[in-house]
């Protein structure tokens, strides 16, 4: 069983003058993707009854998912490849909300969207591998509700206590004050993670395990909506890395799954294992 911690979101996606309403958030994309692969997955978070029922229909364990709300709301506007976000926060996830089974699980993916995860969760002793998607610990809101990225003490705590850290290139630059991938990777690794992953969109991802850097390129697909690709990446990498212990195999699986997930809006394009395997064979 893999556990995911974080809140789903209500998203408004505006891309190329087309606007779509969808559900989102790291745990939303990651849970449905993993369940679609036939993996056992549970979500710890807060949403509403509609989200809880849809997760359950997708094969996700929702026994520790609260439908009491409120649900975070995000407006994502894409222009010239740049995403602008506005947001409204949801409920907070406290340590007491997380069952001991999550800390006993082989895999734990922490993916907050807007500072909702108690950093004490990161410090709790665990048996398995904890992967952190750090974006939600970095996001702050301006007075107008615009999302800005800023390093915080909570983010520092989270980074220090994870096994695998995943950030995108912009987040890495905010944390380390450098746009150079390898320099950022070394700085991030010294902060505590055993492995650092910096995703680079269509250019794939850069991996650093403290000994060497590995760049894995992404296959080219026709992109409709990039929202959630990083969330699919995290879930795909963690499940494959736990299964194989092989960074390159897990990385190839992750960049391929993430690329395929951009073919449609929201979670409509989540790929199957057969689709991922087929494209991996062609691309690598």
C-alpha atoms as a PDB file:
ATOM      1  CA  UNK A   1       0.000   0.000   0.000  1.00  0.00           C
ATOM      2  CA  UNK A   2       1.215   3.495  -0.863  1.00  0.00           C
ATOM      3  CA  UNK A   3      -0.074   6.499   1.075  1.00  0.00           C
ATOM      4  CA  UNK A   4      -0.509  10.005  -0.325  1.00  0.00           C
ATOM      5  CA  UNK A   5      -0.846  13.083   1.893  1.00  0.00           C
ATOM      6  CA  UNK A   6      -2.256  16.384   0.640  1.00  0.00           C
ATOM      7  CA  UNK A   7      -5.450  18.078  -0.500  1.00  0.00           C
ATOM      8  CA  UNK A   8      -7.191  17.794  -3.883  1.00  0.00           C
ATOM      9  CA  UNK A   9      -8.217  21.072  -5.503  1.00  0.00           C
ATOM     10  CA  UNK A  10     -10.945  22.636  -7.601  1.00  0.00           C
ATOM     11  CA  UNK A  11      -9.097  23.987 -10.662  1.00  0.00           C
ATOM     12  CA  UNK A  12      -9.937  26.438 -13.410  1.00  0.00           C
ATOM     13  CA  UNK A  13      -7.578  25.826 -16.343  1.00  0.00           C
ATOM     14  CA  UNK A  14      -7.225  28.548 -18.986  1.00  0.00           C
ATOM     15  CA  UNK A  15      -5.082  27.501 -21.946  1.00  0.00           C
ATOM     16  CA  UNK A  16      -5.061  28.996 -25.450  1.00  0.00           C
ATOM     17  CA  UNK A  17      -8.291  30.899 -24.750  1.00  0.00           C
ATOM     18  CA  UNK A  18     -10.039  27.699 -23.639  1.00  0.00           C
ATOM     19  CA  UNK A  19     -11.260  27.441 -20.048  1.00  0.00           C
ATOM     20  CA  UNK A  20     -11.980  24.122 -18.334  1.00  0.00           C
ATOM     21  CA  UNK A  21     -13.126  23.252 -14.804  1.00  0.00           C
ATOM     22  CA  UNK A  22     -11.364  20.206 -13.328  1.00  0.00           C
ATOM     23  CA  UNK A  23     -10.261  18.570 -10.118  1.00  0.00           C
ATOM     24  CA  UNK A  24      -6.550  18.660  -9.378  1.00  0.00           C
ATOM     25  CA  UNK A  25      -3.783  18.563  -6.797  1.00  0.00           C
ATOM     26  CA  UNK A  26      -0.870  16.183  -6.354  1.00  0.00           C
ATOM     27  CA  UNK A  27      -2.833  13.530  -4.498  1.00  0.00           C
ATOM     28  CA  UNK A  28      -5.699  13.647  -7.021  1.00  0.00           C
ATOM     29  CA  UNK A  29      -3.517  12.941 -10.053  1.00  0.00           C
ATOM     30  CA  UNK A  30      -1.170  10.589  -8.197  1.00  0.00           C
ATOM     31  CA  UNK A  31      -3.939   8.518  -6.601  1.00  0.00           C
ATOM     32  CA  UNK A  32      -5.965   7.997  -9.773  1.00  0.00           C
ATOM     33  CA  UNK A  33      -2.823   7.265 -11.777  1.00  0.00           C
ATOM     34  CA  UNK A  34      -1.555   4.639  -9.327  1.00  0.00           C
ATOM     35  CA  UNK A  35      -4.992   3.051  -8.915  1.00  0.00           C
ATOM     36  CA  UNK A  36      -5.238   2.892 -12.709  1.00  0.00           C
ATOM     37  CA  UNK A  37      -1.987   0.909 -12.713  1.00  0.00           C
ATOM     38  CA  UNK A  38      -3.562  -1.542 -10.288  1.00  0.00           C
ATOM     39  CA  UNK A  39      -1.511  -0.371  -7.294  1.00  0.00           C
ATOM     40  CA  UNK A  40      -3.023  -0.159  -3.810  1.00  0.00           C
ATOM     41  CA  UNK A  41      -3.153   3.488  -2.770  1.00  0.00           C
ATOM     42  CA  UNK A  42      -4.706   5.477   0.082  1.00  0.00           C
ATOM     43  CA  UNK A  43      -5.180   9.238   0.427  1.00  0.00           C
ATOM     44  CA  UNK A  44      -4.987  11.297   3.611  1.00  0.00           C
ATOM     45  CA  UNK A  45      -6.483  14.721   2.976  1.00  0.00           C
ATOM     46  CA  UNK A  46      -9.501  17.003   3.000  1.00  0.00           C
ATOM     47  CA  UNK A  47     -12.026  17.599   0.258  1.00  0.00           C
ATOM     48  CA  UNK A  48     -15.749  17.312  -0.332  1.00  0.00           C
ATOM     49  CA  UNK A  49     -18.145  14.434  -0.823  1.00  0.00           C
ATOM     50  CA  UNK A  50     -17.889  14.609  -4.626  1.00  0.00           C
ATOM     51  CA  UNK A  51     -14.108  14.265  -4.541  1.00  0.00           C
ATOM     52  CA  UNK A  52     -14.258  11.449  -1.996  1.00  0.00           C
ATOM     53  CA  UNK A  53     -16.780   9.485  -4.062  1.00  0.00           C
ATOM     54  CA  UNK A  54     -14.792   9.938  -7.273  1.00  0.00           C
ATOM     55  CA  UNK A  55     -11.589   8.767  -5.607  1.00  0.00           C
ATOM     56  CA  UNK A  56     -13.390   5.722  -4.216  1.00  0.00           C
ATOM     57  CA  UNK A  57     -14.846   4.892  -7.639  1.00  0.00           C
ATOM     58  CA  UNK A  58     -11.321   5.078  -9.014  1.00  0.00           C
ATOM     59  CA  UNK A  59     -10.169   2.354  -6.637  1.00  0.00           C
ATOM     60  CA  UNK A  60      -8.551   4.625  -4.025  1.00  0.00           C
ATOM     61  CA  UNK A  61      -8.741   3.879  -0.285  1.00  0.00           C
ATOM     62  CA  UNK A  62     -10.499   6.933   1.225  1.00  0.00           C
ATOM     63  CA  UNK A  63     -10.935   5.726   4.813  1.00  0.00           C
ATOM     64  CA  UNK A  64      -8.642   8.535   6.024  1.00  0.00           C
ATOM     65  CA  UNK A  65      -9.948  11.191   3.635  1.00  0.00           C
ATOM     66  CA  UNK A  66     -12.270  13.810   5.141  1.00  0.00           C
ATOM     67  CA  UNK A  67     -15.145  15.233   3.097  1.00  0.00           C
ATOM     68  CA  UNK A  68     -15.666  18.112   5.555  1.00  0.00           C
ATOM     69  CA  UNK A  69     -13.926  20.701   3.342  1.00  0.00           C
ATOM     70  CA  UNK A  70     -13.058  23.437   2.610  1.00  0.00           C
ATOM     71  CA  UNK A  71     -11.484  22.566  -0.750  1.00  0.00           C
ATOM     72  CA  UNK A  72      -8.545  24.632  -2.114  1.00  0.00           C
ATOM     73  CA  UNK A  73      -9.349  26.523  -5.308  1.00  0.00           C
ATOM     74  CA  UNK A  74      -6.766  27.273  -8.001  1.00  0.00           C
ATOM     75  CA  UNK A  75      -6.955  29.365 -11.156  1.00  0.00           C
ATOM     76  CA  UNK A  76      -4.218  28.295 -13.599  1.00  0.00           C
ATOM     77  CA  UNK A  77      -3.656  30.529 -16.625  1.00  0.00           C
ATOM     78  CA  UNK A  78      -1.083  29.475 -19.219  1.00  0.00           C
ATOM     79  CA  UNK A  79       0.430  31.979 -21.631  1.00  0.00           C
ATOM     80  CA  UNK A  80       3.555  31.447 -23.750  1.00  0.00           C
ATOM     81  CA  UNK A  81       4.431  28.403 -21.658  1.00  0.00           C
ATOM     82  CA  UNK A  82       4.276  30.323 -18.370  1.00  0.00           C
ATOM     83  CA  UNK A  83       1.716  29.498 -15.689  1.00  0.00           C
ATOM     84  CA  UNK A  84       0.148  32.184 -13.530  1.00  0.00           C
ATOM     85  CA  UNK A  85      -1.797  31.019 -10.476  1.00  0.00           C
ATOM     86  CA  UNK A  86      -4.310  32.458  -8.070  1.00  0.00           C
ATOM     87  CA  UNK A  87      -5.520  30.372  -5.152  1.00  0.00           C
ATOM     88  CA  UNK A  88      -7.739  30.118  -2.098  1.00  0.00           C
ATOM     89  CA  UNK A  89      -6.680  27.738   0.713  1.00  0.00           C
ATOM     90  CA  UNK A  90      -8.430  24.640   2.007  1.00  0.00           C
ATOM     91  CA  UNK A  91      -8.293  22.720   5.281  1.00  0.00           C
ATOM     92  CA  UNK A  92      -5.161  21.782   7.216  1.00  0.00           C
ATOM     93  CA  UNK A  93      -3.842  18.226   7.623  1.00  0.00           C
ATOM     94  CA  UNK A  94      -2.474  17.600  11.098  1.00  0.00           C
ATOM     95  CA  UNK A  95      -0.266  14.783  12.353  1.00  0.00           C
ATOM     96  CA  UNK A  96      -3.243  13.314  14.217  1.00  0.00           C
ATOM     97  CA  UNK A  97      -5.056  12.906  10.877  1.00  0.00           C
ATOM     98  CA  UNK A  98      -2.412  10.496   9.554  1.00  0.00           C
ATOM     99  CA  UNK A  99      -2.797   6.806  10.508  1.00  0.00           C
ATOM    100  CA  UNK A 100       0.194   4.819  11.710  1.00  0.00           C
ATOM    101  CA  UNK A 101      -0.253   2.629   8.618  1.00  0.00           C
ATOM    102  CA  UNK A 102       0.997   5.523   6.491  1.00  0.00           C
ATOM    103  CA  UNK A 103       4.292   5.615   8.376  1.00  0.00           C
ATOM    104  CA  UNK A 104       4.552   1.812   8.133  1.00  0.00           C
ATOM    105  CA  UNK A 105       3.914   1.793   4.375  1.00  0.00           C
ATOM    106  CA  UNK A 106       6.637   1.036   1.836  1.00  0.00           C
ATOM    107  CA  UNK A 107       5.961   4.335   0.072  1.00  0.00           C
ATOM    108  CA  UNK A 108       4.691   7.712   1.270  1.00  0.00           C
ATOM    109  CA  UNK A 109       4.192  10.645  -1.113  1.00  0.00           C
ATOM    110  CA  UNK A 110       3.666  14.029   0.539  1.00  0.00           C
ATOM    111  CA  UNK A 111       2.228  16.531  -1.925  1.00  0.00           C
ATOM    112  CA  UNK A 112       0.720  19.656  -0.350  1.00  0.00           C
ATOM    113  CA  UNK A 113      -0.804  22.276  -2.621  1.00  0.00           C
ATOM    114  CA  UNK A 114      -0.871  25.307  -0.319  1.00  0.00           C
ATOM    115  CA  UNK A 115       0.849  24.873   3.076  1.00  0.00           C
ATOM    116  CA  UNK A 116      -1.824  22.497   4.382  1.00  0.00           C
ATOM    117  CA  UNK A 117       0.516  19.727   5.609  1.00  0.00           C
ATOM    118  CA  UNK A 118       1.817  19.939   9.182  1.00  0.00           C
ATOM    119  CA  UNK A 119       5.652  19.724   9.023  1.00  0.00           C
ATOM    120  CA  UNK A 120       5.493  17.411  12.052  1.00  0.00           C
ATOM    121  CA  UNK A 121       4.290  14.729   9.637  1.00  0.00           C
ATOM    122  CA  UNK A 122       7.654  14.899   7.898  1.00  0.00           C
ATOM    123  CA  UNK A 123       9.560  14.428  11.166  1.00  0.00           C
ATOM    124  CA  UNK A 124       7.620  11.351  12.280  1.00  0.00           C
ATOM    125  CA  UNK A 125       9.631   8.078  12.194  1.00  0.00           C
ATOM    126  CA  UNK A 126       8.659   5.819   9.297  1.00  0.00           C
ATOM    127  CA  UNK A 127       9.528   2.452   7.806  1.00  0.00           C
ATOM    128  CA  UNK A 128       9.372   3.172   4.089  1.00  0.00           C
ATOM    129  CA  UNK A 129      10.537   5.727   1.545  1.00  0.00           C
ATOM    130  CA  UNK A 130       9.100   9.262   1.750  1.00  0.00           C
ATOM    131  CA  UNK A 131       9.016  11.342  -1.413  1.00  0.00           C
ATOM    132  CA  UNK A 132       8.210  15.044  -1.167  1.00  0.00           C
ATOM    133  CA  UNK A 133       6.772  17.246  -3.897  1.00  0.00           C
ATOM    134  CA  UNK A 134       7.783  20.519  -2.263  1.00  0.00           C
ATOM    135  CA  UNK A 135       5.638  22.977  -4.239  1.00  0.00           C
ATOM    136  CA  UNK A 136       2.947  23.349  -1.578  1.00  0.00           C
ATOM    137  CA  UNK A 137       5.466  24.205   1.122  1.00  0.00           C
ATOM    138  CA  UNK A 138       6.855  27.019  -1.056  1.00  0.00           C
ATOM    139  CA  UNK A 139       3.607  28.610  -2.199  1.00  0.00           C
ATOM    140  CA  UNK A 140       2.532  31.862  -0.559  1.00  0.00           C
ATOM    141  CA  UNK A 141      -0.401  34.125  -1.413  1.00  0.00           C
ATOM    142  CA  UNK A 142      -0.138  37.822  -2.185  1.00  0.00           C
ATOM    143  CA  UNK A 143      -2.852  40.174  -0.921  1.00  0.00           C
ATOM    144  CA  UNK A 144      -4.544  39.756  -4.321  1.00  0.00           C
ATOM    145  CA  UNK A 145      -4.474  35.960  -4.050  1.00  0.00           C
ATOM    146  CA  UNK A 146      -1.656  35.468  -6.553  1.00  0.00           C
ATOM    147  CA  UNK A 147       0.600  32.486  -5.875  1.00  0.00           C
ATOM    148  CA  UNK A 148       4.241  33.347  -5.274  1.00  0.00           C
ATOM    149  CA  UNK A 149       7.089  31.019  -4.333  1.00  0.00           C
ATOM    150  CA  UNK A 150       9.187  31.667  -1.244  1.00  0.00           C
ATOM    151  CA  UNK A 151      11.476  29.588   0.944  1.00  0.00           C
ATOM    152  CA  UNK A 152      10.031  29.183   4.441  1.00  0.00           C
ATOM    153  CA  UNK A 153      11.056  27.465   7.699  1.00  0.00           C
ATOM    154  CA  UNK A 154       8.303  24.902   7.054  1.00  0.00           C
ATOM    155  CA  UNK A 155       9.780  24.132   3.643  1.00  0.00           C
ATOM    156  CA  UNK A 156      13.254  23.774   5.140  1.00  0.00           C
ATOM    157  CA  UNK A 157      11.928  21.279   7.681  1.00  0.00           C
ATOM    158  CA  UNK A 158      10.158  19.303   4.980  1.00  0.00           C
ATOM    159  CA  UNK A 159      13.251  19.136   2.766  1.00  0.00           C
ATOM    160  CA  UNK A 160      15.446  18.041   5.656  1.00  0.00           C
ATOM    161  CA  UNK A 161      13.252  15.054   6.498  1.00  0.00           C
ATOM    162  CA  UNK A 162      12.418  13.540   3.105  1.00  0.00           C
ATOM    163  CA  UNK A 163      14.200  10.688   1.340  1.00  0.00           C
ATOM    164  CA  UNK A 164      13.453  11.821  -2.215  1.00  0.00           C
ATOM    165  CA  UNK A 165      12.857  15.474  -3.090  1.00  0.00           C
ATOM    166  CA  UNK A 166      11.103  16.484  -6.291  1.00  0.00           C
ATOM    167  CA  UNK A 167      11.009  20.130  -7.379  1.00  0.00           C
ATOM    168  CA  UNK A 168      10.731  21.802 -10.764  1.00  0.00           C
ATOM    169  CA  UNK A 169      13.436  24.112 -12.111  1.00  0.00           C
ATOM    170  CA  UNK A 170      11.700  27.273 -10.894  1.00  0.00           C
ATOM    171  CA  UNK A 171      11.215  25.883  -7.387  1.00  0.00           C
ATOM    172  CA  UNK A 172      14.839  24.741  -7.271  1.00  0.00           C
ATOM    173  CA  UNK A 173      15.968  28.257  -8.178  1.00  0.00           C
ATOM    174  CA  UNK A 174      13.799  29.810  -5.454  1.00  0.00           C
ATOM    175  CA  UNK A 175      15.248  27.492  -2.802  1.00  0.00           C
ATOM    176  CA  UNK A 176      18.896  27.666  -3.879  1.00  0.00           C
ATOM    177  CA  UNK A 177      19.137  31.109  -5.548  1.00  0.00           C
ATOM    178  CA  UNK A 178      20.705  29.600  -8.660  1.00  0.00           C
ATOM    179  CA  UNK A 179      19.380  28.649 -12.058  1.00  0.00           C
ATOM    180  CA  UNK A 180      22.143  26.120 -12.670  1.00  0.00           C
ATOM    181  CA  UNK A 181      20.689  22.640 -12.325  1.00  0.00           C
ATOM    182  CA  UNK A 182      23.761  20.835 -11.024  1.00  0.00           C
ATOM    183  CA  UNK A 183      24.620  23.555  -8.528  1.00  0.00           C
ATOM    184  CA  UNK A 184      21.023  23.561  -7.310  1.00  0.00           C
ATOM    185  CA  UNK A 185      21.061  19.773  -7.068  1.00  0.00           C
ATOM    186  CA  UNK A 186      24.121  19.802  -4.835  1.00  0.00           C
ATOM    187  CA  UNK A 187      22.697  22.519  -2.582  1.00  0.00           C
ATOM    188  CA  UNK A 188      19.393  20.698  -2.245  1.00  0.00           C
ATOM    189  CA  UNK A 189      21.116  17.406  -1.483  1.00  0.00           C
ATOM    190  CA  UNK A 190      23.117  19.025   1.327  1.00  0.00           C
ATOM    191  CA  UNK A 191      19.818  20.133   2.879  1.00  0.00           C
ATOM    192  CA  UNK A 192      18.922  16.526   3.687  1.00  0.00           C
ATOM    193  CA  UNK A 193      17.308  14.453   0.911  1.00  0.00           C
ATOM    194  CA  UNK A 194      19.072  11.279  -0.182  1.00  0.00           C
ATOM    195  CA  UNK A 195      17.981  11.935  -3.770  1.00  0.00           C
ATOM    196  CA  UNK A 196      17.094  15.171  -5.544  1.00  0.00           C
ATOM    197  CA  UNK A 197      14.998  15.351  -8.715  1.00  0.00           C
ATOM    198  CA  UNK A 198      14.615  18.578 -10.680  1.00  0.00           C
ATOM    199  CA  UNK A 199      11.954  18.287 -13.364  1.00  0.00           C
ATOM    200  CA  UNK A 200      12.353  20.355 -16.527  1.00  0.00           C
ATOM    201  CA  UNK A 201       9.071  19.987 -18.363  1.00  0.00           C
ATOM    202  CA  UNK A 202       9.555  18.892 -21.964  1.00  0.00           C
ATOM    203  CA  UNK A 203      13.301  18.525 -21.303  1.00  0.00           C
ATOM    204  CA  UNK A 204      12.751  15.677 -18.844  1.00  0.00           C
ATOM    205  CA  UNK A 205      14.398  15.589 -15.431  1.00  0.00           C
ATOM    206  CA  UNK A 206      17.760  15.833 -13.687  1.00  0.00           C
ATOM    207  CA  UNK A 207      18.520  13.324 -10.895  1.00  0.00           C
ATOM    208  CA  UNK A 208      21.217  13.591  -8.215  1.00  0.00           C
ATOM    209  CA  UNK A 209      21.912  10.908  -5.627  1.00  0.00           C
ATOM    210  CA  UNK A 210      24.915  12.560  -4.000  1.00  0.00           C
ATOM    211  CA  UNK A 211      27.389  10.737  -6.230  1.00  0.00           C
ATOM    212  CA  UNK A 212      26.405  11.517  -9.798  1.00  0.00           C
ATOM    213  CA  UNK A 213      23.957  13.454 -11.954  1.00  0.00           C
ATOM    214  CA  UNK A 214      21.676  11.678 -14.412  1.00  0.00           C
ATOM    215  CA  UNK A 215      19.687  13.510 -17.069  1.00  0.00           C
ATOM    216  CA  UNK A 216      16.723  11.660 -18.573  1.00  0.00           C
ATOM    217  CA  UNK A 217      15.011  13.149 -21.599  1.00  0.00           C
ATOM    218  CA  UNK A 218      11.255  13.135 -22.047  1.00  0.00           C
ATOM    219  CA  UNK A 219       9.449  11.785 -25.120  1.00  0.00           C
ATOM    220  CA  UNK A 220       7.719  14.329 -27.327  1.00  0.00           C
ATOM    221  CA  UNK A 221       3.924  14.377 -27.246  1.00  0.00           C
ATOM    222  CA  UNK A 222       1.238  16.816 -28.370  1.00  0.00           C
ATOM    223  CA  UNK A 223       0.619  18.808 -25.180  1.00  0.00           C
ATOM    224  CA  UNK A 224      -2.929  19.915 -24.414  1.00  0.00           C
ATOM    225  CA  UNK A 225      -2.673  20.641 -20.663  1.00  0.00           C
ATOM    226  CA  UNK A 226       0.529  20.304 -18.606  1.00  0.00           C
ATOM    227  CA  UNK A 227      -1.308  20.580 -15.267  1.00  0.00           C
ATOM    228  CA  UNK A 228      -0.660  17.528 -13.108  1.00  0.00           C
ATOM    229  CA  UNK A 229       2.288  16.212 -15.101  1.00  0.00           C
ATOM    230  CA  UNK A 230       4.647  16.739 -12.181  1.00  0.00           C
ATOM    231  CA  UNK A 231       2.232  14.935  -9.875  1.00  0.00           C
ATOM    232  CA  UNK A 232       2.069  11.933 -12.196  1.00  0.00           C
ATOM    233  CA  UNK A 233       5.871  12.044 -12.419  1.00  0.00           C
ATOM    234  CA  UNK A 234       6.215  11.812  -8.629  1.00  0.00           C
ATOM    235  CA  UNK A 235       3.820   8.887  -8.298  1.00  0.00           C
ATOM    236  CA  UNK A 236       5.352   7.039 -11.240  1.00  0.00           C
ATOM    237  CA  UNK A 237       8.918   7.474 -10.026  1.00  0.00           C
ATOM    238  CA  UNK A 238       8.204   6.456  -6.451  1.00  0.00           C
ATOM    239  CA  UNK A 239       6.265   3.304  -7.281  1.00  0.00           C
ATOM    240  CA  UNK A 240       8.876   2.125  -9.783  1.00  0.00           C
ATOM    241  CA  UNK A 241      11.853   3.055  -7.631  1.00  0.00           C
ATOM    242  CA  UNK A 242      10.453   1.139  -4.666  1.00  0.00           C
ATOM    243  CA  UNK A 243       9.827  -1.865  -6.906  1.00  0.00           C
ATOM    244  CA  UNK A 244      13.186  -1.893  -8.691  1.00  0.00           C
ATOM    245  CA  UNK A 245      15.664   0.256  -6.770  1.00  0.00           C
ATOM    246  CA  UNK A 246      16.881   1.391 -10.196  1.00  0.00           C
ATOM    247  CA  UNK A 247      17.040   5.160 -10.677  1.00  0.00           C
ATOM    248  CA  UNK A 248      17.263   5.069 -14.472  1.00  0.00           C
ATOM    249  CA  UNK A 249      14.416   2.607 -14.941  1.00  0.00           C
ATOM    250  CA  UNK A 250      12.200   4.564 -12.537  1.00  0.00           C
ATOM    251  CA  UNK A 251      13.197   7.866 -14.115  1.00  0.00           C
ATOM    252  CA  UNK A 252      12.378   6.696 -17.623  1.00  0.00           C
ATOM    253  CA  UNK A 253       9.021   5.391 -16.450  1.00  0.00           C
ATOM    254  CA  UNK A 254       8.298   8.708 -14.703  1.00  0.00           C
ATOM    255  CA  UNK A 255       9.197  11.089 -17.547  1.00  0.00           C
ATOM    256  CA  UNK A 256       7.188   8.957 -19.978  1.00  0.00           C
ATOM    257  CA  UNK A 257       4.118   8.802 -17.745  1.00  0.00           C
ATOM    258  CA  UNK A 258       4.306  12.546 -17.117  1.00  0.00           C
ATOM    259  CA  UNK A 259       4.560  13.328 -20.833  1.00  0.00           C
ATOM    260  CA  UNK A 260       1.573  11.151 -21.697  1.00  0.00           C
ATOM    261  CA  UNK A 261      -0.520  12.780 -18.960  1.00  0.00           C
ATOM    262  CA  UNK A 262      -0.418  16.124 -20.812  1.00  0.00           C
ATOM    263  CA  UNK A 263      -2.474  14.869 -23.792  1.00  0.00           C
ATOM    264  CA  UNK A 264      -5.789  16.070 -22.320  1.00  0.00           C
ATOM    265  CA  UNK A 265      -7.285  18.343 -19.700  1.00  0.00           C
ATOM    266  CA  UNK A 266      -7.145  17.399 -16.023  1.00  0.00           C
ATOM    267  CA  UNK A 267      -7.005  13.697 -15.266  1.00  0.00           C
ATOM    268  CA  UNK A 268      -8.624  12.697 -18.558  1.00  0.00           C
ATOM    269  CA  UNK A 269      -5.306  11.652 -20.110  1.00  0.00           C
ATOM    270  CA  UNK A 270      -3.789   9.598 -17.296  1.00  0.00           C
ATOM    271  CA  UNK A 271      -1.851   6.855 -19.101  1.00  0.00           C
ATOM    272  CA  UNK A 272      -2.080   3.104 -18.679  1.00  0.00           C
ATOM    273  CA  UNK A 273       0.959   0.939 -17.974  1.00  0.00           C
ATOM    274  CA  UNK A 274       0.738  -0.465 -21.502  1.00  0.00           C
ATOM    275  CA  UNK A 275       0.841   3.031 -23.015  1.00  0.00           C
ATOM    276  CA  UNK A 276       3.843   3.955 -20.879  1.00  0.00           C
ATOM    277  CA  UNK A 277       5.719   0.772 -21.777  1.00  0.00           C
ATOM    278  CA  UNK A 278       5.022   1.213 -25.472  1.00  0.00           C
ATOM    279  CA  UNK A 279       6.277   4.794 -25.588  1.00  0.00           C
ATOM    280  CA  UNK A 280       9.305   3.933 -23.450  1.00  0.00           C
ATOM    281  CA  UNK A 281      10.349   1.275 -25.939  1.00  0.00           C
ATOM    282  CA  UNK A 282      10.114   3.744 -28.813  1.00  0.00           C
ATOM    283  CA  UNK A 283      11.764   6.682 -27.031  1.00  0.00           C
ATOM    284  CA  UNK A 284      14.603   4.927 -25.192  1.00  0.00           C
END
